N, C-alpha and C. Protein backbone atom coordinates (compact mmCIF):
# COMPACT_ATOMS: atom_id res chain seq x y z
N UNK A 1 37.38 37.75 27.15
CA UNK A 1 37.41 37.90 25.70
C UNK A 1 37.17 36.54 25.02
N UNK A 2 37.87 35.52 25.56
CA UNK A 2 37.72 34.17 25.00
C UNK A 2 36.28 33.69 25.11
N UNK A 3 35.64 33.94 26.27
CA UNK A 3 34.25 33.53 26.48
C UNK A 3 33.32 34.23 25.48
N UNK A 4 33.59 35.48 25.19
CA UNK A 4 32.77 36.24 24.26
C UNK A 4 32.87 35.66 22.86
N UNK A 5 34.08 35.28 22.45
CA UNK A 5 34.27 34.68 21.12
C UNK A 5 33.54 33.35 21.01
N UNK A 6 33.65 32.52 22.06
CA UNK A 6 32.97 31.21 22.05
C UNK A 6 31.46 31.39 21.96
N UNK A 7 30.93 32.35 22.72
CA UNK A 7 29.49 32.61 22.70
C UNK A 7 29.05 33.05 21.32
N UNK A 8 29.84 33.89 20.65
CA UNK A 8 29.48 34.36 19.32
C UNK A 8 29.48 33.22 18.31
N UNK A 9 30.38 32.27 18.49
CA UNK A 9 30.46 31.13 17.57
C UNK A 9 29.33 30.14 17.83
N UNK A 10 29.02 29.88 19.09
CA UNK A 10 28.04 28.86 19.45
C UNK A 10 26.61 29.27 19.18
N UNK A 11 26.30 30.57 19.26
CA UNK A 11 24.91 31.01 19.09
C UNK A 11 24.31 30.59 17.75
N UNK A 12 24.99 30.83 16.61
CA UNK A 12 24.43 30.36 15.33
C UNK A 12 24.30 28.85 15.26
N UNK A 13 25.28 28.15 15.87
CA UNK A 13 25.22 26.68 15.86
C UNK A 13 24.00 26.18 16.60
N UNK A 14 23.75 26.71 17.78
CA UNK A 14 22.59 26.31 18.58
C UNK A 14 21.30 26.63 17.86
N UNK A 15 21.27 27.78 17.17
CA UNK A 15 20.07 28.16 16.43
C UNK A 15 19.78 27.17 15.31
N UNK A 16 20.82 26.77 14.60
CA UNK A 16 20.66 25.80 13.52
C UNK A 16 20.15 24.46 14.05
N UNK A 17 20.73 24.01 15.17
CA UNK A 17 20.30 22.74 15.77
C UNK A 17 18.85 22.80 16.19
N UNK A 18 18.43 23.92 16.75
CA UNK A 18 17.04 24.08 17.18
C UNK A 18 16.08 23.98 16.00
N UNK A 19 16.45 24.62 14.89
CA UNK A 19 15.59 24.60 13.71
C UNK A 19 15.52 23.20 13.11
N UNK A 20 16.67 22.50 13.07
CA UNK A 20 16.70 21.16 12.50
C UNK A 20 15.90 20.18 13.33
N UNK A 21 16.04 20.26 14.64
CA UNK A 21 15.32 19.33 15.52
C UNK A 21 13.83 19.60 15.52
N UNK A 22 13.43 20.83 15.30
CA UNK A 22 12.01 21.16 15.31
C UNK A 22 11.32 20.92 13.99
N UNK A 23 12.10 20.71 12.89
CA UNK A 23 11.51 20.59 11.56
C UNK A 23 10.57 19.41 11.40
N UNK A 24 10.95 18.17 11.82
CA UNK A 24 10.05 17.03 11.60
C UNK A 24 8.70 17.21 12.23
N UNK A 25 8.64 17.76 13.46
CA UNK A 25 7.35 17.93 14.12
C UNK A 25 6.49 18.92 13.38
N UNK A 26 7.11 19.98 12.84
CA UNK A 26 6.34 20.98 12.12
C UNK A 26 5.81 20.41 10.82
N UNK A 27 6.65 19.62 10.12
CA UNK A 27 6.23 19.06 8.84
C UNK A 27 5.17 17.98 9.02
N UNK A 28 5.19 17.27 10.16
CA UNK A 28 4.31 16.12 10.35
C UNK A 28 2.85 16.50 10.30
N UNK A 29 2.52 17.73 10.66
CA UNK A 29 1.12 18.12 10.66
C UNK A 29 0.58 18.39 9.28
N UNK A 30 1.45 18.36 8.25
CA UNK A 30 1.02 18.66 6.89
C UNK A 30 1.10 17.43 5.98
N UNK A 31 0.90 16.25 6.53
CA UNK A 31 0.95 15.05 5.71
C UNK A 31 2.23 14.31 5.97
N UNK A 32 2.88 13.79 4.91
CA UNK A 32 4.09 13.01 5.07
C UNK A 32 5.27 13.91 5.39
N UNK A 33 6.05 13.55 6.41
CA UNK A 33 7.23 14.31 6.80
C UNK A 33 8.45 13.73 6.09
N UNK A 34 9.63 14.28 6.43
CA UNK A 34 10.86 13.79 5.83
C UNK A 34 11.08 12.32 6.13
N UNK A 35 10.67 11.84 7.31
CA UNK A 35 10.74 10.42 7.66
C UNK A 35 9.34 9.84 7.54
N UNK A 36 9.17 8.80 6.70
CA UNK A 36 7.83 8.28 6.44
C UNK A 36 7.02 8.00 7.70
N UNK A 37 5.88 8.64 7.81
CA UNK A 37 4.95 8.37 8.89
C UNK A 37 5.31 8.95 10.23
N UNK A 38 6.50 9.53 10.38
CA UNK A 38 6.96 9.95 11.69
C UNK A 38 6.02 10.99 12.30
N UNK A 39 5.38 10.62 13.41
CA UNK A 39 4.56 11.55 14.18
C UNK A 39 3.42 12.16 13.38
N UNK A 40 2.96 11.47 12.33
CA UNK A 40 1.87 12.01 11.51
C UNK A 40 0.55 11.86 12.25
N UNK A 41 -0.18 12.96 12.36
CA UNK A 41 -1.50 12.95 12.97
C UNK A 41 -2.54 12.67 11.89
N UNK A 42 -3.73 12.22 12.30
CA UNK A 42 -4.80 12.01 11.34
C UNK A 42 -5.09 13.32 10.62
N UNK A 43 -5.05 13.28 9.29
CA UNK A 43 -5.35 14.47 8.50
C UNK A 43 -5.79 14.06 7.11
N UNK A 44 -6.55 14.90 6.45
CA UNK A 44 -7.10 14.58 5.15
C UNK A 44 -6.04 14.36 4.08
N UNK A 45 -4.97 15.17 4.12
CA UNK A 45 -3.94 15.06 3.09
C UNK A 45 -3.27 13.69 3.12
N UNK A 46 -2.93 13.20 4.30
CA UNK A 46 -2.28 11.89 4.43
C UNK A 46 -3.23 10.77 4.04
N UNK A 47 -4.46 10.86 4.52
CA UNK A 47 -5.46 9.83 4.19
C UNK A 47 -5.70 9.78 2.69
N UNK A 48 -5.81 10.95 2.06
CA UNK A 48 -6.00 11.01 0.61
C UNK A 48 -4.83 10.36 -0.12
N UNK A 49 -3.61 10.61 0.37
CA UNK A 49 -2.41 10.05 -0.27
C UNK A 49 -2.42 8.53 -0.21
N UNK A 50 -2.77 7.99 0.96
CA UNK A 50 -2.81 6.52 1.12
C UNK A 50 -3.88 5.92 0.22
N UNK A 51 -5.05 6.53 0.19
CA UNK A 51 -6.15 6.03 -0.64
C UNK A 51 -5.79 6.05 -2.11
N UNK A 52 -5.23 7.16 -2.58
CA UNK A 52 -4.84 7.27 -3.98
C UNK A 52 -3.78 6.24 -4.35
N UNK A 53 -2.82 6.05 -3.45
CA UNK A 53 -1.76 5.08 -3.72
C UNK A 53 -2.32 3.66 -3.83
N UNK A 54 -3.19 3.27 -2.89
CA UNK A 54 -3.77 1.92 -2.92
C UNK A 54 -4.65 1.72 -4.16
N UNK A 55 -5.42 2.73 -4.50
CA UNK A 55 -6.32 2.62 -5.65
C UNK A 55 -5.54 2.54 -6.96
N UNK A 56 -4.58 3.44 -7.14
CA UNK A 56 -3.83 3.49 -8.39
C UNK A 56 -2.92 2.28 -8.56
N UNK A 57 -2.28 1.87 -7.47
CA UNK A 57 -1.41 0.69 -7.54
C UNK A 57 -2.20 -0.56 -7.90
N UNK A 58 -3.40 -0.68 -7.31
CA UNK A 58 -4.20 -1.88 -7.56
C UNK A 58 -4.58 -1.98 -9.04
N UNK A 59 -4.99 -0.85 -9.60
CA UNK A 59 -5.37 -0.85 -11.02
C UNK A 59 -4.15 -1.10 -11.91
N UNK A 60 -3.01 -0.58 -11.52
CA UNK A 60 -1.78 -0.83 -12.27
C UNK A 60 -1.41 -2.30 -12.21
N UNK A 61 -1.56 -2.91 -11.03
CA UNK A 61 -1.24 -4.33 -10.88
C UNK A 61 -2.16 -5.21 -11.73
N UNK A 62 -3.39 -4.78 -11.90
CA UNK A 62 -4.33 -5.57 -12.70
C UNK A 62 -3.92 -5.64 -14.17
N UNK A 63 -3.03 -4.73 -14.59
CA UNK A 63 -2.62 -4.70 -15.98
C UNK A 63 -1.46 -5.65 -16.28
N UNK A 64 -0.85 -6.24 -15.23
CA UNK A 64 0.27 -7.15 -15.47
C UNK A 64 -0.26 -8.58 -15.56
N UNK A 65 0.48 -9.50 -16.18
CA UNK A 65 0.02 -10.89 -16.26
C UNK A 65 -0.30 -11.46 -14.89
N UNK A 66 -1.30 -12.31 -14.84
CA UNK A 66 -1.82 -12.75 -13.54
C UNK A 66 -0.82 -13.50 -12.69
N UNK A 67 0.19 -14.15 -13.31
CA UNK A 67 1.16 -14.88 -12.49
C UNK A 67 2.06 -13.92 -11.70
N UNK A 68 2.13 -12.66 -12.11
CA UNK A 68 2.93 -11.65 -11.41
C UNK A 68 2.06 -10.70 -10.58
N UNK A 69 0.78 -10.76 -10.77
CA UNK A 69 -0.13 -9.76 -10.23
C UNK A 69 -0.14 -9.72 -8.70
N UNK A 70 -0.06 -10.88 -8.08
CA UNK A 70 -0.24 -10.91 -6.62
C UNK A 70 0.99 -10.40 -5.89
N UNK A 71 2.16 -10.61 -6.45
CA UNK A 71 3.34 -10.00 -5.85
C UNK A 71 3.27 -8.49 -5.99
N UNK A 72 2.64 -8.02 -7.05
CA UNK A 72 2.43 -6.58 -7.24
C UNK A 72 1.46 -6.04 -6.19
N UNK A 73 0.37 -6.76 -5.94
CA UNK A 73 -0.57 -6.34 -4.89
C UNK A 73 0.14 -6.28 -3.54
N UNK A 74 0.95 -7.30 -3.27
CA UNK A 74 1.67 -7.35 -2.00
C UNK A 74 2.54 -6.11 -1.81
N UNK A 75 3.24 -5.74 -2.84
CA UNK A 75 4.12 -4.57 -2.77
C UNK A 75 3.32 -3.29 -2.54
N UNK A 76 2.14 -3.20 -3.14
CA UNK A 76 1.30 -2.02 -2.97
C UNK A 76 0.89 -1.82 -1.52
N UNK A 77 0.47 -2.90 -0.87
CA UNK A 77 0.05 -2.78 0.53
C UNK A 77 1.25 -2.55 1.45
N UNK A 78 2.40 -3.08 1.10
CA UNK A 78 3.61 -2.80 1.87
C UNK A 78 3.98 -1.32 1.78
N UNK A 79 3.86 -0.76 0.59
CA UNK A 79 4.16 0.67 0.40
C UNK A 79 3.26 1.53 1.26
N UNK A 80 1.96 1.20 1.28
CA UNK A 80 1.01 1.96 2.09
C UNK A 80 1.33 1.89 3.57
N UNK A 81 1.67 0.69 4.04
CA UNK A 81 1.97 0.52 5.47
C UNK A 81 3.25 1.25 5.86
N UNK A 82 4.28 1.13 5.04
CA UNK A 82 5.57 1.73 5.38
C UNK A 82 5.50 3.26 5.37
N UNK A 83 4.63 3.82 4.56
CA UNK A 83 4.52 5.28 4.51
C UNK A 83 3.99 5.86 5.81
N UNK A 84 3.38 5.02 6.66
CA UNK A 84 2.76 5.50 7.90
C UNK A 84 3.47 4.99 9.16
N UNK A 85 4.55 4.26 8.99
CA UNK A 85 5.25 3.72 10.16
C UNK A 85 5.70 4.85 11.09
N UNK A 86 5.45 4.66 12.39
CA UNK A 86 5.85 5.67 13.37
C UNK A 86 4.71 6.56 13.81
N UNK A 87 3.57 6.51 13.11
CA UNK A 87 2.42 7.33 13.49
C UNK A 87 1.50 6.54 14.41
N UNK A 88 1.28 7.04 15.63
CA UNK A 88 0.36 6.37 16.54
C UNK A 88 -1.08 6.50 16.05
N UNK A 89 -1.42 7.64 15.47
CA UNK A 89 -2.79 7.85 14.99
C UNK A 89 -3.14 6.87 13.88
N UNK A 90 -2.18 6.57 13.02
CA UNK A 90 -2.43 5.68 11.89
C UNK A 90 -2.01 4.23 12.16
N UNK A 91 -1.68 3.92 13.42
CA UNK A 91 -1.21 2.57 13.75
C UNK A 91 -2.20 1.47 13.31
N UNK A 92 -3.54 1.65 13.51
CA UNK A 92 -4.46 0.61 13.04
C UNK A 92 -4.42 0.42 11.52
N UNK A 93 -4.15 1.50 10.79
CA UNK A 93 -4.04 1.40 9.33
C UNK A 93 -2.79 0.61 8.96
N UNK A 94 -1.69 0.90 9.63
CA UNK A 94 -0.46 0.14 9.39
C UNK A 94 -0.70 -1.34 9.66
N UNK A 95 -1.39 -1.64 10.75
CA UNK A 95 -1.67 -3.04 11.10
C UNK A 95 -2.52 -3.71 10.01
N UNK A 96 -3.54 -3.01 9.53
CA UNK A 96 -4.44 -3.58 8.53
C UNK A 96 -3.72 -3.81 7.20
N UNK A 97 -2.96 -2.82 6.75
CA UNK A 97 -2.26 -2.95 5.47
C UNK A 97 -1.15 -4.00 5.55
N UNK A 98 -0.49 -4.08 6.70
CA UNK A 98 0.56 -5.09 6.88
C UNK A 98 -0.04 -6.49 6.88
N UNK A 99 -1.23 -6.62 7.45
CA UNK A 99 -1.92 -7.91 7.44
C UNK A 99 -2.12 -8.41 6.01
N UNK A 100 -2.60 -7.52 5.14
CA UNK A 100 -2.81 -7.90 3.74
C UNK A 100 -1.48 -8.26 3.08
N UNK A 101 -0.48 -7.41 3.30
CA UNK A 101 0.83 -7.67 2.71
C UNK A 101 1.38 -9.03 3.11
N UNK A 102 1.33 -9.35 4.40
CA UNK A 102 1.92 -10.59 4.90
C UNK A 102 1.15 -11.82 4.42
N UNK A 103 -0.18 -11.71 4.36
CA UNK A 103 -0.97 -12.85 3.89
C UNK A 103 -0.69 -13.14 2.41
N UNK A 104 -0.61 -12.08 1.60
CA UNK A 104 -0.30 -12.29 0.19
C UNK A 104 1.12 -12.83 0.04
N UNK A 105 2.04 -12.28 0.82
CA UNK A 105 3.43 -12.73 0.76
C UNK A 105 3.55 -14.21 1.06
N UNK A 106 2.84 -14.67 2.08
CA UNK A 106 2.90 -16.09 2.44
C UNK A 106 2.37 -16.96 1.30
N UNK A 107 1.24 -16.52 0.69
CA UNK A 107 0.64 -17.29 -0.40
C UNK A 107 1.53 -17.30 -1.63
N UNK A 108 2.14 -16.17 -1.93
CA UNK A 108 3.02 -16.07 -3.09
C UNK A 108 4.26 -16.93 -2.89
N UNK A 109 4.91 -16.80 -1.73
CA UNK A 109 6.15 -17.53 -1.48
C UNK A 109 5.94 -19.04 -1.45
N UNK A 110 4.74 -19.46 -1.06
CA UNK A 110 4.43 -20.90 -1.03
C UNK A 110 4.20 -21.46 -2.43
N UNK A 111 4.02 -20.55 -3.41
CA UNK A 111 3.67 -21.01 -4.76
C UNK A 111 4.51 -20.36 -5.85
N UNK A 112 5.74 -19.98 -5.51
CA UNK A 112 6.61 -19.35 -6.50
C UNK A 112 6.93 -20.31 -7.65
N UNK A 113 7.06 -19.73 -8.83
CA UNK A 113 7.42 -20.51 -10.02
C UNK A 113 8.86 -20.16 -10.39
N UNK A 114 9.84 -20.99 -9.96
CA UNK A 114 11.25 -20.68 -10.23
C UNK A 114 11.60 -20.72 -11.70
N UNK A 115 10.73 -21.30 -12.51
CA UNK A 115 11.01 -21.39 -13.94
C UNK A 115 10.70 -20.11 -14.70
N UNK A 116 10.07 -19.15 -14.02
CA UNK A 116 9.72 -17.89 -14.67
C UNK A 116 10.64 -16.76 -14.20
N UNK A 117 11.05 -15.89 -15.11
CA UNK A 117 11.88 -14.75 -14.68
C UNK A 117 11.03 -13.74 -13.93
N UNK A 118 11.69 -12.86 -13.18
CA UNK A 118 10.97 -11.78 -12.52
C UNK A 118 10.52 -10.75 -13.56
N UNK A 119 9.39 -10.14 -13.29
CA UNK A 119 8.88 -9.10 -14.18
C UNK A 119 9.42 -7.75 -13.68
N UNK A 120 10.22 -7.10 -14.48
CA UNK A 120 10.81 -5.82 -14.10
C UNK A 120 9.86 -4.69 -14.49
N UNK A 121 9.33 -4.00 -13.48
CA UNK A 121 8.43 -2.88 -13.74
C UNK A 121 9.22 -1.60 -13.99
N UNK A 122 10.29 -1.45 -13.24
CA UNK A 122 11.22 -0.33 -13.42
C UNK A 122 12.55 -0.76 -12.80
N UNK A 123 13.59 0.07 -12.86
CA UNK A 123 14.88 -0.37 -12.34
C UNK A 123 14.89 -0.78 -10.87
N UNK A 124 13.86 -0.37 -10.12
CA UNK A 124 13.86 -0.63 -8.68
C UNK A 124 12.79 -1.63 -8.25
N UNK A 125 11.86 -1.97 -9.13
CA UNK A 125 10.72 -2.82 -8.75
C UNK A 125 10.65 -4.03 -9.68
N UNK A 126 10.64 -5.23 -9.06
CA UNK A 126 10.46 -6.46 -9.81
C UNK A 126 9.40 -7.31 -9.12
N UNK A 127 8.61 -8.03 -9.92
CA UNK A 127 7.55 -8.87 -9.38
C UNK A 127 7.87 -10.34 -9.65
N UNK A 128 7.63 -11.18 -8.63
CA UNK A 128 7.90 -12.60 -8.75
C UNK A 128 6.69 -13.33 -9.33
N UNK A 129 6.95 -14.39 -10.06
CA UNK A 129 5.88 -15.18 -10.68
C UNK A 129 5.45 -16.32 -9.76
N UNK A 130 4.16 -16.65 -9.82
CA UNK A 130 3.64 -17.81 -9.11
C UNK A 130 3.19 -18.85 -10.14
N UNK A 131 3.01 -20.06 -9.69
CA UNK A 131 2.55 -21.12 -10.59
C UNK A 131 1.12 -20.82 -11.04
N UNK A 132 0.83 -20.93 -12.33
CA UNK A 132 -0.51 -20.58 -12.84
C UNK A 132 -1.63 -21.31 -12.12
N UNK A 133 -1.40 -22.59 -11.79
CA UNK A 133 -2.47 -23.38 -11.15
C UNK A 133 -2.74 -22.92 -9.71
N UNK A 134 -1.82 -22.14 -9.14
CA UNK A 134 -1.99 -21.67 -7.76
C UNK A 134 -2.73 -20.34 -7.68
N UNK A 135 -2.95 -19.69 -8.82
CA UNK A 135 -3.57 -18.35 -8.83
C UNK A 135 -4.93 -18.34 -8.10
N UNK A 136 -5.83 -19.29 -8.33
CA UNK A 136 -7.12 -19.24 -7.61
C UNK A 136 -6.97 -19.30 -6.09
N UNK A 137 -6.03 -20.10 -5.61
CA UNK A 137 -5.81 -20.20 -4.16
C UNK A 137 -5.26 -18.90 -3.61
N UNK A 138 -4.31 -18.31 -4.31
CA UNK A 138 -3.72 -17.04 -3.87
C UNK A 138 -4.77 -15.93 -3.92
N UNK A 139 -5.61 -16.00 -4.92
CA UNK A 139 -6.68 -15.00 -5.04
C UNK A 139 -7.62 -15.07 -3.84
N UNK A 140 -8.01 -16.26 -3.43
CA UNK A 140 -8.90 -16.40 -2.28
C UNK A 140 -8.23 -15.93 -0.99
N UNK A 141 -6.94 -16.20 -0.85
CA UNK A 141 -6.21 -15.74 0.33
C UNK A 141 -6.15 -14.22 0.36
N UNK A 142 -5.99 -13.61 -0.81
CA UNK A 142 -5.95 -12.15 -0.90
C UNK A 142 -7.29 -11.54 -0.56
N UNK A 143 -8.35 -12.10 -1.08
CA UNK A 143 -9.70 -11.61 -0.77
C UNK A 143 -10.00 -11.70 0.72
N UNK A 144 -9.65 -12.83 1.33
CA UNK A 144 -9.90 -13.01 2.76
C UNK A 144 -9.11 -12.01 3.58
N UNK A 145 -7.87 -11.74 3.17
CA UNK A 145 -7.03 -10.79 3.91
C UNK A 145 -7.59 -9.38 3.80
N UNK A 146 -8.06 -9.01 2.61
CA UNK A 146 -8.66 -7.68 2.42
C UNK A 146 -9.90 -7.51 3.29
N UNK A 147 -10.72 -8.54 3.32
CA UNK A 147 -11.94 -8.46 4.12
C UNK A 147 -11.62 -8.32 5.62
N UNK A 148 -10.63 -9.07 6.07
CA UNK A 148 -10.24 -9.00 7.48
C UNK A 148 -9.64 -7.62 7.81
N UNK A 149 -8.85 -7.08 6.88
CA UNK A 149 -8.23 -5.77 7.11
C UNK A 149 -9.28 -4.66 7.20
N UNK A 150 -10.26 -4.70 6.30
CA UNK A 150 -11.31 -3.68 6.33
C UNK A 150 -12.11 -3.77 7.62
N UNK A 151 -12.42 -4.99 8.05
CA UNK A 151 -13.15 -5.19 9.31
C UNK A 151 -12.34 -4.69 10.49
N UNK A 152 -11.04 -4.94 10.46
CA UNK A 152 -10.15 -4.49 11.53
C UNK A 152 -10.19 -2.97 11.67
N UNK A 153 -10.20 -2.28 10.56
CA UNK A 153 -10.24 -0.81 10.59
C UNK A 153 -11.57 -0.30 11.12
N UNK A 154 -12.64 -0.91 10.70
CA UNK A 154 -13.97 -0.44 11.09
C UNK A 154 -14.29 -0.76 12.54
N UNK A 155 -13.61 -1.74 13.11
CA UNK A 155 -13.87 -2.15 14.49
C UNK A 155 -12.72 -1.82 15.43
N UNK A 156 -11.80 -0.97 14.98
CA UNK A 156 -10.64 -0.64 15.79
C UNK A 156 -11.07 -0.01 17.11
N UNK A 157 -10.59 -0.52 18.24
CA UNK A 157 -10.99 0.02 19.56
C UNK A 157 -10.73 1.51 19.67
N UNK A 158 -11.74 2.22 20.12
CA UNK A 158 -11.61 3.65 20.32
C UNK A 158 -11.69 4.46 19.04
N UNK A 159 -11.89 3.80 17.90
CA UNK A 159 -11.92 4.51 16.62
C UNK A 159 -13.21 4.27 15.86
N UNK A 160 -14.24 3.81 16.54
CA UNK A 160 -15.51 3.54 15.88
C UNK A 160 -16.03 4.82 15.23
N UNK A 161 -16.35 4.72 13.97
CA UNK A 161 -16.88 5.87 13.25
C UNK A 161 -15.82 6.86 12.79
N UNK A 162 -14.55 6.52 12.95
CA UNK A 162 -13.49 7.42 12.50
C UNK A 162 -13.54 7.53 10.98
N UNK A 163 -13.75 8.73 10.44
CA UNK A 163 -13.90 8.87 8.98
C UNK A 163 -12.65 8.51 8.20
N UNK A 164 -11.47 8.71 8.77
CA UNK A 164 -10.24 8.35 8.07
C UNK A 164 -10.14 6.84 7.90
N UNK A 165 -10.45 6.11 8.98
CA UNK A 165 -10.40 4.65 8.91
C UNK A 165 -11.50 4.11 7.99
N UNK A 166 -12.66 4.75 8.03
CA UNK A 166 -13.76 4.33 7.16
C UNK A 166 -13.38 4.47 5.69
N UNK A 167 -12.72 5.57 5.35
CA UNK A 167 -12.35 5.81 3.96
C UNK A 167 -11.28 4.83 3.48
N UNK A 168 -10.33 4.51 4.34
CA UNK A 168 -9.29 3.56 3.94
C UNK A 168 -9.88 2.15 3.86
N UNK A 169 -10.78 1.82 4.77
CA UNK A 169 -11.48 0.53 4.69
C UNK A 169 -12.27 0.44 3.40
N UNK A 170 -12.86 1.57 2.97
CA UNK A 170 -13.67 1.59 1.75
C UNK A 170 -12.82 1.31 0.51
N UNK A 171 -11.59 1.84 0.46
CA UNK A 171 -10.76 1.59 -0.72
C UNK A 171 -10.27 0.14 -0.72
N UNK A 172 -10.05 -0.45 0.46
CA UNK A 172 -9.71 -1.87 0.52
C UNK A 172 -10.88 -2.71 0.01
N UNK A 173 -12.09 -2.34 0.42
CA UNK A 173 -13.28 -3.03 -0.07
C UNK A 173 -13.43 -2.87 -1.58
N UNK A 174 -13.12 -1.68 -2.07
CA UNK A 174 -13.21 -1.43 -3.51
C UNK A 174 -12.23 -2.31 -4.27
N UNK A 175 -11.01 -2.43 -3.77
CA UNK A 175 -10.02 -3.32 -4.40
C UNK A 175 -10.50 -4.77 -4.36
N UNK A 176 -11.11 -5.13 -3.25
CA UNK A 176 -11.62 -6.50 -3.11
C UNK A 176 -12.71 -6.78 -4.14
N UNK A 177 -13.60 -5.82 -4.33
CA UNK A 177 -14.68 -6.00 -5.30
C UNK A 177 -14.15 -6.09 -6.73
N UNK A 178 -13.13 -5.29 -7.03
CA UNK A 178 -12.53 -5.36 -8.36
C UNK A 178 -11.91 -6.74 -8.59
N UNK A 179 -11.27 -7.26 -7.56
CA UNK A 179 -10.65 -8.57 -7.68
C UNK A 179 -11.68 -9.67 -7.84
N UNK A 180 -12.80 -9.49 -7.19
CA UNK A 180 -13.86 -10.51 -7.20
C UNK A 180 -14.83 -10.30 -8.36
N UNK A 181 -14.67 -9.24 -9.11
CA UNK A 181 -15.63 -8.82 -10.14
C UNK A 181 -16.14 -9.97 -10.98
N UNK A 182 -17.46 -9.96 -11.18
CA UNK A 182 -18.09 -11.02 -11.99
C UNK A 182 -17.59 -10.99 -13.42
N UNK A 183 -17.08 -9.83 -13.89
CA UNK A 183 -16.58 -9.76 -15.25
C UNK A 183 -15.43 -10.73 -15.49
N UNK A 184 -14.70 -11.05 -14.42
CA UNK A 184 -13.57 -11.95 -14.58
C UNK A 184 -14.01 -13.37 -14.92
N UNK A 185 -15.27 -13.67 -14.69
CA UNK A 185 -15.75 -15.03 -14.91
C UNK A 185 -16.62 -15.16 -16.16
N UNK A 186 -16.76 -14.07 -16.91
CA UNK A 186 -17.49 -14.15 -18.16
C UNK A 186 -16.70 -14.94 -19.20
N UNK A 187 -17.41 -15.58 -20.17
CA UNK A 187 -16.68 -16.26 -21.25
C UNK A 187 -15.78 -15.27 -21.97
N UNK A 188 -14.67 -15.75 -22.49
CA UNK A 188 -13.69 -14.90 -23.14
C UNK A 188 -14.25 -13.92 -24.15
N UNK A 189 -15.03 -14.35 -25.15
CA UNK A 189 -15.54 -13.42 -26.15
C UNK A 189 -16.44 -12.33 -25.55
N UNK A 190 -17.25 -12.70 -24.52
CA UNK A 190 -18.13 -11.73 -23.88
C UNK A 190 -17.30 -10.72 -23.10
N UNK A 191 -16.28 -11.22 -22.42
CA UNK A 191 -15.41 -10.34 -21.65
C UNK A 191 -14.72 -9.33 -22.56
N UNK A 192 -14.22 -9.80 -23.70
CA UNK A 192 -13.53 -8.89 -24.61
C UNK A 192 -14.50 -7.85 -25.18
N UNK A 193 -15.73 -8.26 -25.44
CA UNK A 193 -16.73 -7.34 -25.96
C UNK A 193 -17.10 -6.31 -24.91
N UNK A 194 -17.24 -6.74 -23.64
CA UNK A 194 -17.66 -5.84 -22.57
C UNK A 194 -16.59 -4.80 -22.25
N UNK A 195 -15.32 -5.20 -22.27
CA UNK A 195 -14.25 -4.31 -21.85
C UNK A 195 -13.42 -3.76 -23.00
N UNK A 196 -13.68 -4.23 -24.21
CA UNK A 196 -12.93 -3.75 -25.35
C UNK A 196 -11.49 -4.22 -25.34
N UNK A 197 -11.24 -5.39 -24.72
CA UNK A 197 -9.88 -5.90 -24.64
C UNK A 197 -9.50 -6.61 -25.93
N UNK A 198 -8.23 -6.65 -26.21
CA UNK A 198 -7.72 -7.46 -27.30
C UNK A 198 -7.60 -8.89 -26.81
N UNK A 199 -7.51 -9.87 -27.70
CA UNK A 199 -7.36 -11.26 -27.24
C UNK A 199 -6.15 -11.44 -26.32
N UNK A 200 -5.03 -10.75 -26.60
CA UNK A 200 -3.84 -10.91 -25.77
C UNK A 200 -4.09 -10.36 -24.37
N UNK A 201 -4.78 -9.22 -24.27
CA UNK A 201 -5.05 -8.64 -22.95
C UNK A 201 -5.96 -9.54 -22.15
N UNK A 202 -6.91 -10.20 -22.82
CA UNK A 202 -7.86 -11.06 -22.10
C UNK A 202 -7.16 -12.23 -21.44
N UNK A 203 -6.01 -12.64 -22.00
CA UNK A 203 -5.27 -13.75 -21.41
C UNK A 203 -4.74 -13.42 -20.04
N UNK A 204 -4.61 -12.12 -19.74
CA UNK A 204 -4.05 -11.71 -18.46
C UNK A 204 -5.09 -11.63 -17.35
N UNK A 205 -6.36 -11.76 -17.69
CA UNK A 205 -7.42 -11.63 -16.68
C UNK A 205 -7.44 -12.85 -15.79
N UNK A 206 -7.80 -12.64 -14.50
CA UNK A 206 -7.98 -13.76 -13.59
C UNK A 206 -7.40 -13.48 -12.24
C-alpha cells in the first residue's frame, strides 16, 4: 500500500521534471531560448534578430554626442555576442562580435575623460565619455576591429559561403561604412544642408 502511494505521488513529479528539462532544447530550435544562446542552431530567426539589433543599436548610438558614442558601440557588440553565448553553431559570430567589443573597450578605457559625467540612456544603461581629442584614434581602432571581424566571419574554417555568417558580416560592414561615411567630413554648412540637421545636431557628428 505504501509503495502504491509513493508511486502515485512521484509520477506527476517525474513528469514535471521531464517537461522542464526538455523545454530548453525544444525552444532552442526557434531562435533565442530562455537562456541566451543556449544550444541555438543556425536559423533565420536568430540571425535576423542579431542583424536587427546591431543595425538599430548602431544608428541609435550615432545620435548621441561623439564623446559617448564609442562606449555605446561597444555595448551594442557586447549585447550581440552575449545573446549567442553557448551556441556552437554561432561560435564564430560570438568570436567576431567579442573582438569588436574588446577592441573598442580597450580604446575607450585608455582615453576616458573623468571630468565628464556618464550619459544615462535609461535606468540600466550608461555610456562613458572619452577625451574629445582621442575620438579620431578610437574611431580608427573601431573601424579596424569591424573589418577584422567581418573577415573572420567570411573566412571561418568550415563555414565558407555560410549565408548566416555572410549576412552578419554584411551588417558589420554596413556599420563600418556608416562610421567612415564621407558625409562626416563635409564642411559644417554643407553637412547640415545635406542631412537637414540643426546646428546643435551637427556638433555631435564625428
